[in-house]
Amino acid sequence: MNYKDYSKYFKVLADENRLKILDMLSCGEICAWKILKILDITQSTLSHHMKILNSCSLVKTRKNGKLMYYSQNKATIKSIKTFMNYITKKKEDCICYKLDRPAVKA
C-alpha cells in the first residue's frame, strides 16, 4: 500500500463541488452544460475542477463536436474503494504492528 499515492485522491476529493461532480457522474456520462446548470458554477470553475479530477484519473473526458462529456473512471474508483477497505479493517500486516508496543486489539 502506498499511502502517499492514495492521499492525492483524498486531497482532490476534499472539495464539495468535486464530490458533487463525482456523484452526478455515478449516473453515467454527463455533458458539461448539465453539470454547469446543476451546480450553478461558471465554465472556468468547472474547467478547473475537471482538470483536477482528470489529472488524477478520477474522471474520463470525451469531446463530441463543441460539447465535452465526462464520466467516472471506474478503475480508479475501484482502486480507491479497495484501499479504503484495506485501511479500515483489522489485518495481519497493519502498520500498528511495527510499533515497539503491543498492538491495540479491535
PDB file of N, CA and C in Angstrom:
ATOM      1  N   MET A   1       0.847  -1.185   0.000  1.00  0.00           N
ATOM      2  CA  MET A   1       0.000   0.000   0.000  1.00  0.00           C
ATOM      3  C   MET A   1       0.882   1.234   0.000  1.00  0.00           C
ATOM      4  N   ASN A   2       0.635   2.107  -0.922  1.00  0.00           N
ATOM      5  CA  ASN A   2       1.375   3.360  -0.960  1.00  0.00           C
ATOM      6  C   ASN A   2       0.440   4.488  -0.517  1.00  0.00           C
ATOM      7  N   TYR A   3       0.554   4.861   0.742  1.00  0.00           N
ATOM      8  CA  TYR A   3      -0.326   5.873   1.316  1.00  0.00           C
ATOM      9  C   TYR A   3      -0.190   7.217   0.608  1.00  0.00           C
ATOM     10  N   LYS A   4       1.021   7.547   0.207  1.00  0.00           N
ATOM     11  CA  LYS A   4       1.259   8.827  -0.465  1.00  0.00           C
ATOM     12  C   LYS A   4       0.479   8.904  -1.778  1.00  0.00           C
ATOM     13  N   ASP A   5       0.478   7.833  -2.538  1.00  0.00           N
ATOM     14  CA  ASP A   5      -0.268   7.818  -3.806  1.00  0.00           C
ATOM     15  C   ASP A   5      -1.764   8.012  -3.580  1.00  0.00           C
ATOM     16  N   TYR A   6      -2.299   7.366  -2.557  1.00  0.00           N
ATOM     17  CA  TYR A   6      -3.740   7.485  -2.303  1.00  0.00           C
ATOM     18  C   TYR A   6      -4.115   8.821  -1.672  1.00  0.00           C
ATOM     19  N   SER A   7      -3.186   9.432  -0.969  1.00  0.00           N
ATOM     20  CA  SER A   7      -3.501  10.710  -0.335  1.00  0.00           C
ATOM     21  C   SER A   7      -3.855  11.783  -1.365  1.00  0.00           C
ATOM     22  N   LYS A   8      -3.322  11.681  -2.582  1.00  0.00           N
ATOM     23  CA  LYS A   8      -3.645  12.676  -3.618  1.00  0.00           C
ATOM     24  C   LYS A   8      -5.129  12.631  -3.977  1.00  0.00           C
ATOM     25  N   TYR A   9      -5.727  11.458  -3.956  1.00  0.00           N
ATOM     26  CA  TYR A   9      -7.160  11.352  -4.253  1.00  0.00           C
ATOM     27  C   TYR A   9      -7.988  12.058  -3.189  1.00  0.00           C
ATOM     28  N   PHE A  10      -7.605  11.877  -1.938  1.00  0.00           N
ATOM     29  CA  PHE A  10      -8.377  12.478  -0.852  1.00  0.00           C
ATOM     30  C   PHE A  10      -8.234  13.995  -0.830  1.00  0.00           C
ATOM     31  N   LYS A  11      -7.083  14.487  -1.247  1.00  0.00           N
ATOM     32  CA  LYS A  11      -6.913  15.937  -1.377  1.00  0.00           C
ATOM     33  C   LYS A  11      -7.847  16.476  -2.457  1.00  0.00           C
ATOM     34  N   VAL A  12      -7.930  15.774  -3.565  1.00  0.00           N
ATOM     35  CA  VAL A  12      -8.814  16.186  -4.660  1.00  0.00           C
ATOM     36  C   VAL A  12     -10.271  16.102  -4.221  1.00  0.00           C
ATOM     37  N   LEU A  13     -10.615  15.070  -3.482  1.00  0.00           N
ATOM     38  CA  LEU A  13     -11.999  14.857  -3.066  1.00  0.00           C
ATOM     39  C   LEU A  13     -12.411  15.718  -1.869  1.00  0.00           C
ATOM     40  N   ALA A  14     -11.495  16.511  -1.342  1.00  0.00           N
ATOM     41  CA  ALA A  14     -11.807  17.371  -0.206  1.00  0.00           C
ATOM     42  C   ALA A  14     -12.555  18.634  -0.619  1.00  0.00           C
ATOM     43  N   ASP A  15     -12.982  18.709  -1.862  1.00  0.00           N
ATOM     44  CA  ASP A  15     -13.737  19.854  -2.359  1.00  0.00           C
ATOM     45  C   ASP A  15     -15.195  19.445  -2.598  1.00  0.00           C
ATOM     46  N   GLU A  16     -16.117  20.220  -2.067  1.00  0.00           N
ATOM     47  CA  GLU A  16     -17.549  19.906  -2.162  1.00  0.00           C
ATOM     48  C   GLU A  16     -18.024  19.780  -3.607  1.00  0.00           C
ATOM     49  N   ASN A  17     -17.617  20.699  -4.474  1.00  0.00           N
ATOM     50  CA  ASN A  17     -18.074  20.633  -5.871  1.00  0.00           C
ATOM     51  C   ASN A  17     -17.538  19.412  -6.595  1.00  0.00           C
ATOM     52  N   ARG A  18     -16.299  19.029  -6.314  1.00  0.00           N
ATOM     53  CA  ARG A  18     -15.753  17.834  -6.973  1.00  0.00           C
ATOM     54  C   ARG A  18     -16.461  16.579  -6.495  1.00  0.00           C
ATOM     55  N   LEU A  19     -16.851  16.544  -5.227  1.00  0.00           N
ATOM     56  CA  LEU A  19     -17.646  15.410  -4.737  1.00  0.00           C
ATOM     57  C   LEU A  19     -19.008  15.372  -5.429  1.00  0.00           C
ATOM     58  N   LYS A  20     -19.621  16.530  -5.590  1.00  0.00           N
ATOM     59  CA  LYS A  20     -20.916  16.595  -6.280  1.00  0.00           C
ATOM     60  C   LYS A  20     -20.782  16.141  -7.728  1.00  0.00           C
ATOM     61  N   ILE A  21     -19.701  16.546  -8.382  1.00  0.00           N
ATOM     62  CA  ILE A  21     -19.481  16.132  -9.772  1.00  0.00           C
ATOM     63  C   ILE A  21     -19.355  14.616  -9.855  1.00  0.00           C
ATOM     64  N   LEU A  22     -18.554  14.018  -8.977  1.00  0.00           N
ATOM     65  CA  LEU A  22     -18.428  12.554  -8.990  1.00  0.00           C
ATOM     66  C   LEU A  22     -19.754  11.881  -8.705  1.00  0.00           C
ATOM     67  N   ASP A  23     -20.541  12.471  -7.824  1.00  0.00           N
ATOM     68  CA  ASP A  23     -21.867  11.920  -7.532  1.00  0.00           C
ATOM     69  C   ASP A  23     -22.742  11.967  -8.782  1.00  0.00           C
ATOM     70  N   MET A  24     -22.746  13.092  -9.474  1.00  0.00           N
ATOM     71  CA  MET A  24     -23.533  13.200 -10.715  1.00  0.00           C
ATOM     72  C   MET A  24     -23.078  12.176 -11.743  1.00  0.00           C
ATOM     73  N   LEU A  25     -21.775  11.953 -11.824  1.00  0.00           N
ATOM     74  CA  LEU A  25     -21.239  11.026 -12.819  1.00  0.00           C
ATOM     75  C   LEU A  25     -21.520   9.567 -12.467  1.00  0.00           C
ATOM     76  N   SER A  26     -21.986   9.319 -11.249  1.00  0.00           N
ATOM     77  CA  SER A  26     -22.340   7.938 -10.877  1.00  0.00           C
ATOM     78  C   SER A  26     -23.538   7.437 -11.694  1.00  0.00           C
ATOM     79  N   CYS A  27     -24.302   8.375 -12.255  1.00  0.00           N
ATOM     80  CA  CYS A  27     -25.449   8.010 -13.092  1.00  0.00           C
ATOM     81  C   CYS A  27     -25.042   7.734 -14.533  1.00  0.00           C
ATOM     82  N   GLY A  28     -23.786   8.001 -14.865  1.00  0.00           N
ATOM     83  CA  GLY A  28     -23.293   7.792 -16.221  1.00  0.00           C
ATOM     84  C   GLY A  28     -22.699   9.070 -16.779  1.00  0.00           C
ATOM     85  N   GLU A  29     -22.335   9.018 -18.036  1.00  0.00           N
ATOM     86  CA  GLU A  29     -21.700  10.157 -18.706  1.00  0.00           C
ATOM     87  C   GLU A  29     -22.627  11.367 -18.744  1.00  0.00           C
ATOM     88  N   ILE A  30     -22.058  12.545 -18.481  1.00  0.00           N
ATOM     89  CA  ILE A  30     -22.847  13.782 -18.454  1.00  0.00           C
ATOM     90  C   ILE A  30     -22.116  14.854 -19.248  1.00  0.00           C
ATOM     91  N   CYS A  31     -22.883  15.637 -19.963  1.00  0.00           N
ATOM     92  CA  CYS A  31     -22.365  16.767 -20.715  1.00  0.00           C
ATOM     93  C   CYS A  31     -22.033  17.912 -19.755  1.00  0.00           C
ATOM     94  N   ALA A  32     -21.003  18.679 -20.089  1.00  0.00           N
ATOM     95  CA  ALA A  32     -20.553  19.778 -19.234  1.00  0.00           C
ATOM     96  C   ALA A  32     -21.667  20.783 -18.936  1.00  0.00           C
ATOM     97  N   TRP A  33     -22.503  21.095 -19.924  1.00  0.00           N
ATOM     98  CA  TRP A  33     -23.547  22.106 -19.703  1.00  0.00           C
ATOM     99  C   TRP A  33     -24.515  21.684 -18.608  1.00  0.00           C
ATOM    100  N   LYS A  34     -24.756  20.388 -18.500  1.00  0.00           N
ATOM    101  CA  LYS A  34     -25.670  19.898 -17.464  1.00  0.00           C
ATOM    102  C   LYS A  34     -25.047  20.047 -16.069  1.00  0.00           C
ATOM    103  N   ILE A  35     -23.752  19.765 -15.964  1.00  0.00           N
ATOM    104  CA  ILE A  35     -23.057  19.959 -14.689  1.00  0.00           C
ATOM    105  C   ILE A  35     -23.096  21.431 -14.299  1.00  0.00           C
ATOM    106  N   LEU A  36     -22.853  22.306 -15.292  1.00  0.00           N
ATOM    107  CA  LEU A  36     -22.885  23.750 -15.041  1.00  0.00           C
ATOM    108  C   LEU A  36     -24.250  24.185 -14.516  1.00  0.00           C
ATOM    109  N   LYS A  37     -25.292  23.666 -15.130  1.00  0.00           N
ATOM    110  CA  LYS A  37     -26.655  24.038 -14.746  1.00  0.00           C
ATOM    111  C   LYS A  37     -26.984  23.554 -13.326  1.00  0.00           C
ATOM    112  N   ILE A  38     -26.616  22.328 -13.026  1.00  0.00           N
ATOM    113  CA  ILE A  38     -26.935  21.750 -11.719  1.00  0.00           C
ATOM    114  C   ILE A  38     -26.150  22.432 -10.605  1.00  0.00           C
ATOM    115  N   LEU A  39     -24.851  22.665 -10.816  1.00  0.00           N
ATOM    116  CA  LEU A  39     -24.015  23.245  -9.767  1.00  0.00           C
ATOM    117  C   LEU A  39     -24.067  24.762  -9.728  1.00  0.00           C
ATOM    118  N   ASP A  40     -24.575  25.364 -10.786  1.00  0.00           N
ATOM    119  CA  ASP A  40     -24.641  26.819 -10.878  1.00  0.00           C
ATOM    120  C   ASP A  40     -23.254  27.445 -10.667  1.00  0.00           C
ATOM    121  N   ILE A  41     -22.294  26.960 -11.455  1.00  0.00           N
ATOM    122  CA  ILE A  41     -20.938  27.490 -11.426  1.00  0.00           C
ATOM    123  C   ILE A  41     -20.578  27.976 -12.828  1.00  0.00           C
ATOM    124  N   THR A  42     -19.490  28.718 -12.940  1.00  0.00           N
ATOM    125  CA  THR A  42     -19.064  29.229 -14.241  1.00  0.00           C
ATOM    126  C   THR A  42     -18.316  28.152 -15.027  1.00  0.00           C
ATOM    127  N   GLN A  43     -18.187  28.381 -16.315  1.00  0.00           N
ATOM    128  CA  GLN A  43     -17.453  27.457 -17.178  1.00  0.00           C
ATOM    129  C   GLN A  43     -15.997  27.332 -16.720  1.00  0.00           C
ATOM    130  N   SER A  44     -15.385  28.448 -16.351  1.00  0.00           N
ATOM    131  CA  SER A  44     -13.981  28.396 -15.926  1.00  0.00           C
ATOM    132  C   SER A  44     -13.815  27.610 -14.620  1.00  0.00           C
ATOM    133  N   THR A  45     -14.792  27.731 -13.718  1.00  0.00           N
ATOM    134  CA  THR A  45     -14.744  26.969 -12.464  1.00  0.00           C
ATOM    135  C   THR A  45     -14.894  25.481 -12.752  1.00  0.00           C
ATOM    136  N   LEU A  46     -15.814  25.131 -13.636  1.00  0.00           N
ATOM    137  CA  LEU A  46     -15.977  23.719 -13.994  1.00  0.00           C
ATOM    138  C   LEU A  46     -14.703  23.199 -14.649  1.00  0.00           C
ATOM    139  N   SER A  47     -14.129  23.960 -15.550  1.00  0.00           N
ATOM    140  CA  SER A  47     -12.886  23.541 -16.210  1.00  0.00           C
ATOM    141  C   SER A  47     -11.783  23.285 -15.195  1.00  0.00           C
ATOM    142  N   HIS A  48     -11.701  24.141 -14.203  1.00  0.00           N
ATOM    143  CA  HIS A  48     -10.708  23.978 -13.142  1.00  0.00           C
ATOM    144  C   HIS A  48     -10.924  22.650 -12.405  1.00  0.00           C
ATOM    145  N   HIS A  49     -12.155  22.394 -11.981  1.00  0.00           N
ATOM    146  CA  HIS A  49     -12.459  21.152 -11.263  1.00  0.00           C
ATOM    147  C   HIS A  49     -12.220  19.922 -12.132  1.00  0.00           C
ATOM    148  N   MET A  50     -12.620  20.002 -13.391  1.00  0.00           N
ATOM    149  CA  MET A  50     -12.465  18.836 -14.267  1.00  0.00           C
ATOM    150  C   MET A  50     -10.996  18.563 -14.567  1.00  0.00           C
ATOM    151  N   LYS A  51     -10.199  19.610 -14.667  1.00  0.00           N
ATOM    152  CA  LYS A  51      -8.764  19.436 -14.886  1.00  0.00           C
ATOM    153  C   LYS A  51      -8.144  18.684 -13.710  1.00  0.00           C
ATOM    154  N   ILE A  52      -8.540  19.054 -12.512  1.00  0.00           N
ATOM    155  CA  ILE A  52      -8.022  18.395 -11.307  1.00  0.00           C
ATOM    156  C   ILE A  52      -8.501  16.941 -11.241  1.00  0.00           C
ATOM    157  N   LEU A  53      -9.786  16.708 -11.473  1.00  0.00           N
ATOM    158  CA  LEU A  53     -10.327  15.343 -11.439  1.00  0.00           C
ATOM    159  C   LEU A  53      -9.712  14.473 -12.525  1.00  0.00           C
ATOM    160  N   ASN A  54      -9.474  15.056 -13.685  1.00  0.00           N
ATOM    161  CA  ASN A  54      -8.890  14.318 -14.800  1.00  0.00           C
ATOM    162  C   ASN A  54      -7.407  14.037 -14.563  1.00  0.00           C
ATOM    163  N   SER A  55      -6.702  14.977 -13.935  1.00  0.00           N
ATOM    164  CA  SER A  55      -5.257  14.821 -13.724  1.00  0.00           C
ATOM    165  C   SER A  55      -4.921  13.641 -12.818  1.00  0.00           C
ATOM    166  N   CYS A  56      -5.826  13.272 -11.935  1.00  0.00           N
ATOM    167  CA  CYS A  56      -5.574  12.106 -11.082  1.00  0.00           C
ATOM    168  C   CYS A  56      -6.441  10.917 -11.492  1.00  0.00           C
ATOM    169  N   SER A  57      -6.959  10.969 -12.702  1.00  0.00           N
ATOM    170  CA  SER A  57      -7.689   9.843 -13.318  1.00  0.00           C
ATOM    171  C   SER A  57      -8.979   9.461 -12.611  1.00  0.00           C
ATOM    172  N   LEU A  58      -9.617  10.409 -11.932  1.00  0.00           N
ATOM    173  CA  LEU A  58     -10.920  10.117 -11.335  1.00  0.00           C
ATOM    174  C   LEU A  58     -12.042  10.218 -12.359  1.00  0.00           C
ATOM    175  N   VAL A  59     -11.831  11.010 -13.399  1.00  0.00           N
ATOM    176  CA  VAL A  59     -12.834  11.135 -14.461  1.00  0.00           C
ATOM    177  C   VAL A  59     -12.179  10.936 -15.826  1.00  0.00           C
ATOM    178  N   LYS A  60     -13.028  10.586 -16.772  1.00  0.00           N
ATOM    179  CA  LYS A  60     -12.627  10.491 -18.171  1.00  0.00           C
ATOM    180  C   LYS A  60     -13.338  11.606 -18.929  1.00  0.00           C
ATOM    181  N   THR A  61     -12.697  12.087 -19.957  1.00  0.00           N
ATOM    182  CA  THR A  61     -13.227  13.182 -20.755  1.00  0.00           C
ATOM    183  C   THR A  61     -13.379  12.737 -22.201  1.00  0.00           C
ATOM    184  N   ARG A  62     -14.494  13.162 -22.813  1.00  0.00           N
ATOM    185  CA  ARG A  62     -14.738  12.859 -24.218  1.00  0.00           C
ATOM    186  C   ARG A  62     -15.332  14.098 -24.867  1.00  0.00           C
ATOM    187  N   LYS A  63     -14.802  14.450 -26.025  1.00  0.00           N
ATOM    188  CA  LYS A  63     -15.316  15.606 -26.749  1.00  0.00           C
ATOM    189  C   LYS A  63     -16.113  15.119 -27.955  1.00  0.00           C
ATOM    190  N   ASN A  64     -17.288  15.738 -28.138  1.00  0.00           N
ATOM    191  CA  ASN A  64     -18.134  15.427 -29.292  1.00  0.00           C
ATOM    192  C   ASN A  64     -18.534  16.766 -29.900  1.00  0.00           C
ATOM    193  N   GLY A  65     -17.858  17.149 -30.966  1.00  0.00           N
ATOM    194  CA  GLY A  65     -18.086  18.468 -31.543  1.00  0.00           C
ATOM    195  C   GLY A  65     -17.599  19.526 -30.574  1.00  0.00           C
ATOM    196  N   LYS A  66     -18.481  20.454 -30.213  1.00  0.00           N
ATOM    197  CA  LYS A  66     -18.125  21.504 -29.256  1.00  0.00           C
ATOM    198  C   LYS A  66     -18.423  21.106 -27.812  1.00  0.00           C
ATOM    199  N   LEU A  67     -19.083  19.985 -27.612  1.00  0.00           N
ATOM    200  CA  LEU A  67     -19.511  19.575 -26.272  1.00  0.00           C
ATOM    201  C   LEU A  67     -18.508  18.635 -25.610  1.00  0.00           C
ATOM    202  N   MET A  68     -18.315  18.839 -24.305  1.00  0.00           N
ATOM    203  CA  MET A  68     -17.458  17.964 -23.507  1.00  0.00           C
ATOM    204  C   MET A  68     -18.347  17.060 -22.658  1.00  0.00           C
ATOM    205  N   TYR A  69     -17.988  15.801 -22.613  1.00  0.00           N
ATOM    206  CA  TYR A  69     -18.702  14.817 -21.812  1.00  0.00           C
ATOM    207  C   TYR A  69     -17.736  14.226 -20.798  1.00  0.00           C
ATOM    208  N   TYR A  70     -18.269  13.966 -19.609  1.00  0.00           N
ATOM    209  CA  TYR A  70     -17.450  13.436 -18.527  1.00  0.00           C
ATOM    210  C   TYR A  70     -18.087  12.170 -17.962  1.00  0.00           C
ATOM    211  N   SER A  71     -17.215  11.267 -17.499  1.00  0.00           N
ATOM    212  CA  SER A  71     -17.678  10.046 -16.841  1.00  0.00           C
ATOM    213  C   SER A  71     -16.661   9.654 -15.777  1.00  0.00           C
ATOM    214  N   GLN A  72     -17.104   8.844 -14.831  1.00  0.00           N
ATOM    215  CA  GLN A  72     -16.199   8.350 -13.802  1.00  0.00           C
ATOM    216  C   GLN A  72     -15.203   7.378 -14.426  1.00  0.00           C
ATOM    217  N   ASN A  73     -13.992   7.382 -13.900  1.00  0.00           N
ATOM    218  CA  ASN A  73     -13.018   6.363 -14.269  1.00  0.00           C
ATOM    219  C   ASN A  73     -13.206   5.224 -13.267  1.00  0.00           C
ATOM    220  N   LYS A  74     -13.949   4.219 -13.672  1.00  0.00           N
ATOM    221  CA  LYS A  74     -14.339   3.134 -12.758  1.00  0.00           C
ATOM    222  C   LYS A  74     -13.135   2.402 -12.172  1.00  0.00           C
ATOM    223  N   ALA A  75     -12.043   2.266 -12.938  1.00  0.00           N
ATOM    224  CA  ALA A  75     -10.858   1.563 -12.439  1.00  0.00           C
ATOM    225  C   ALA A  75     -10.241   2.310 -11.256  1.00  0.00           C
ATOM    226  N   THR A  76     -10.140   3.621 -11.359  1.00  0.00           N
ATOM    227  CA  THR A  76      -9.579   4.418 -10.272  1.00  0.00           C
ATOM    228  C   THR A  76     -10.494   4.395  -9.053  1.00  0.00           C
ATOM    229  N   ILE A  77     -11.796   4.526  -9.285  1.00  0.00           N
ATOM    230  CA  ILE A  77     -12.768   4.482  -8.179  1.00  0.00           C
ATOM    231  C   ILE A  77     -12.669   3.136  -7.453  1.00  0.00           C
ATOM    232  N   LYS A  78     -12.563   2.060  -8.219  1.00  0.00           N
ATOM    233  CA  LYS A  78     -12.454   0.723  -7.625  1.00  0.00           C
ATOM    234  C   LYS A  78     -11.181   0.602  -6.795  1.00  0.00           C
ATOM    235  N   SER A  79     -10.089   1.156  -7.282  1.00  0.00           N
ATOM    236  CA  SER A  79      -8.822   1.121  -6.558  1.00  0.00           C
ATOM    237  C   SER A  79      -8.919   1.866  -5.230  1.00  0.00           C
ATOM    238  N   ILE A  80      -9.583   3.013  -5.239  1.00  0.00           N
ATOM    239  CA  ILE A  80      -9.766   3.788  -4.004  1.00  0.00           C
ATOM    240  C   ILE A  80     -10.648   3.021  -3.018  1.00  0.00           C
ATOM    241  N   LYS A  81     -11.696   2.391  -3.521  1.00  0.00           N
ATOM    242  CA  LYS A  81     -12.562   1.589  -2.652  1.00  0.00           C
ATOM    243  C   LYS A  81     -11.781   0.444  -2.017  1.00  0.00           C
ATOM    244  N   THR A  82     -10.950  -0.208  -2.799  1.00  0.00           N
ATOM    245  CA  THR A  82     -10.132  -1.310  -2.291  1.00  0.00           C
ATOM    246  C   THR A  82      -9.184  -0.812  -1.205  1.00  0.00           C
ATOM    247  N   PHE A  83      -8.571   0.334  -1.453  1.00  0.00           N
ATOM    248  CA  PHE A  83      -7.678   0.931  -0.461  1.00  0.00           C
ATOM    249  C   PHE A  83      -8.432   1.250   0.824  1.00  0.00           C
ATOM    250  N   MET A  84      -9.612   1.860   0.701  1.00  0.00           N
ATOM    251  CA  MET A  84     -10.412   2.195   1.882  1.00  0.00           C
ATOM    252  C   MET A  84     -10.800   0.941   2.653  1.00  0.00           C
ATOM    253  N   ASN A  85     -11.176  -0.117   1.959  1.00  0.00           N
ATOM    254  CA  ASN A  85     -11.494  -1.379   2.634  1.00  0.00           C
ATOM    255  C   ASN A  85     -10.277  -1.916   3.370  1.00  0.00           C
ATOM    256  N   TYR A  86      -9.112  -1.781   2.742  1.00  0.00           N
ATOM    257  CA  TYR A  86      -7.877  -2.280   3.342  1.00  0.00           C
ATOM    258  C   TYR A  86      -7.540  -1.531   4.628  1.00  0.00           C
ATOM    259  N   ILE A  87      -7.614  -0.198   4.620  1.00  0.00           N
ATOM    260  CA  ILE A  87      -7.183   0.566   5.791  1.00  0.00           C
ATOM    261  C   ILE A  87      -8.233   0.653   6.887  1.00  0.00           C
ATOM    262  N   THR A  88      -9.433   0.156   6.631  1.00  0.00           N
ATOM    263  CA  THR A  88     -10.488   0.253   7.647  1.00  0.00           C
ATOM    264  C   THR A  88     -10.846  -1.097   8.270  1.00  0.00           C
ATOM    265  N   LYS A  89      -9.998  -2.088   8.068  1.00  0.00           N
ATOM    266  CA  LYS A  89     -10.262  -3.383   8.701  1.00  0.00           C
ATOM    267  C   LYS A  89      -9.000  -3.880   9.396  1.00  0.00           C
ATOM    268  N   LYS A  90      -9.187  -4.716  10.376  1.00  0.00           N
ATOM    269  CA  LYS A  90      -8.073  -5.320  11.089  1.00  0.00           C
ATOM    270  C   LYS A  90      -7.379  -6.306  10.159  1.00  0.00           C
ATOM    271  N   LYS A  91      -6.032  -6.281  10.206  1.00  0.00           N
ATOM    272  CA  LYS A  91      -5.285  -7.162   9.300  1.00  0.00           C
ATOM    273  C   LYS A  91      -3.938  -7.530   9.921  1.00  0.00           C
ATOM    274  N   GLU A  92      -3.373  -8.594   9.455  1.00  0.00           N
ATOM    275  CA  GLU A  92      -2.096  -9.090   9.970  1.00  0.00           C
ATOM    276  C   GLU A  92      -0.936  -8.151   9.673  1.00  0.00           C
ATOM    277  N   ASP A  93      -0.985  -7.434   8.573  1.00  0.00           N
ATOM    278  CA  ASP A  93       0.136  -6.579   8.176  1.00  0.00           C
ATOM    279  C   ASP A  93      -0.108  -5.098   8.475  1.00  0.00           C
ATOM    280  N   CYS A  94      -0.941  -4.821   9.459  1.00  0.00           N
ATOM    281  CA  CYS A  94      -1.255  -3.435   9.815  1.00  0.00           C
ATOM    282  C   CYS A  94       0.010  -2.704  10.270  1.00  0.00           C
ATOM    283  N   ILE A  95       0.119  -1.433   9.926  1.00  0.00           N
ATOM    284  CA  ILE A  95       1.307  -0.667  10.305  1.00  0.00           C
ATOM    285  C   ILE A  95       1.443  -0.507  11.815  1.00  0.00           C
ATOM    286  N   CYS A  96       0.369  -0.672  12.550  1.00  0.00           N
ATOM    287  CA  CYS A  96       0.456  -0.544  14.008  1.00  0.00           C
ATOM    288  C   CYS A  96       1.341  -1.634  14.615  1.00  0.00           C
ATOM    289  N   TYR A  97       1.512  -2.760  13.933  1.00  0.00           N
ATOM    290  CA  TYR A  97       2.356  -3.837  14.438  1.00  0.00           C
ATOM    291  C   TYR A  97       3.838  -3.511  14.335  1.00  0.00           C
ATOM    292  N   LYS A  98       4.173  -2.424  13.675  1.00  0.00           N
ATOM    293  CA  LYS A  98       5.569  -2.015  13.550  1.00  0.00           C
ATOM    294  C   LYS A  98       6.035  -1.205  14.756  1.00  0.00           C
ATOM    295  N   LEU A  99       5.119  -0.882  15.642  1.00  0.00           N
ATOM    296  CA  LEU A  99       5.461  -0.121  16.841  1.00  0.00           C
ATOM    297  C   LEU A  99       6.161  -1.018  17.852  1.00  0.00           C
ATOM    298  N   ASP A 100       6.863  -0.400  18.784  1.00  0.00           N
ATOM    299  CA  ASP A 100       7.589  -1.153  19.815  1.00  0.00           C
ATOM    300  C   ASP A 100       6.680  -1.579  20.957  1.00  0.00           C
ATOM    301  N   ARG A 101       5.418  -1.246  20.886  1.00  0.00           N
ATOM    302  CA  ARG A 101       4.496  -1.628  21.945  1.00  0.00           C
ATOM    303  C   ARG A 101       3.469  -2.617  21.368  1.00  0.00           C
ATOM    304  N   PRO A 102       2.787  -3.327  22.224  1.00  0.00           N
ATOM    305  CA  PRO A 102       1.785  -4.283  21.731  1.00  0.00           C
ATOM    306  C   PRO A 102       0.679  -3.552  20.955  1.00  0.00           C
ATOM    307  N   ALA A 103       0.174  -4.211  19.953  1.00  0.00           N
ATOM    308  CA  ALA A 103      -0.905  -3.636  19.151  1.00  0.00           C
ATOM    309  C   ALA A 103      -2.188  -3.589  19.957  1.00  0.00           C
ATOM    310  N   VAL A 104      -2.996  -2.597  19.702  1.00  0.00           N
ATOM    311  CA  VAL A 104      -4.296  -2.457  20.347  1.00  0.00           C
ATOM    312  C   VAL A 104      -5.264  -3.394  19.631  1.00  0.00           C
ATOM    313  N   LYS A 105      -5.969  -4.185  20.412  1.00  0.00           N
ATOM    314  CA  LYS A 105      -6.941  -5.107  19.810  1.00  0.00           C
ATOM    315  C   LYS A 105      -8.232  -4.395  19.518  1.00  0.00           C
ATOM    316  N   ALA A 106      -8.809  -4.711  18.371  1.00  0.00           N
ATOM    317  CA  ALA A 106     -10.065  -4.069  17.959  1.00  0.00           C
ATOM    318  C   ALA A 106     -11.250  -4.792  18.547  1.00  0.00           C
TER     319      ALA A 106
END
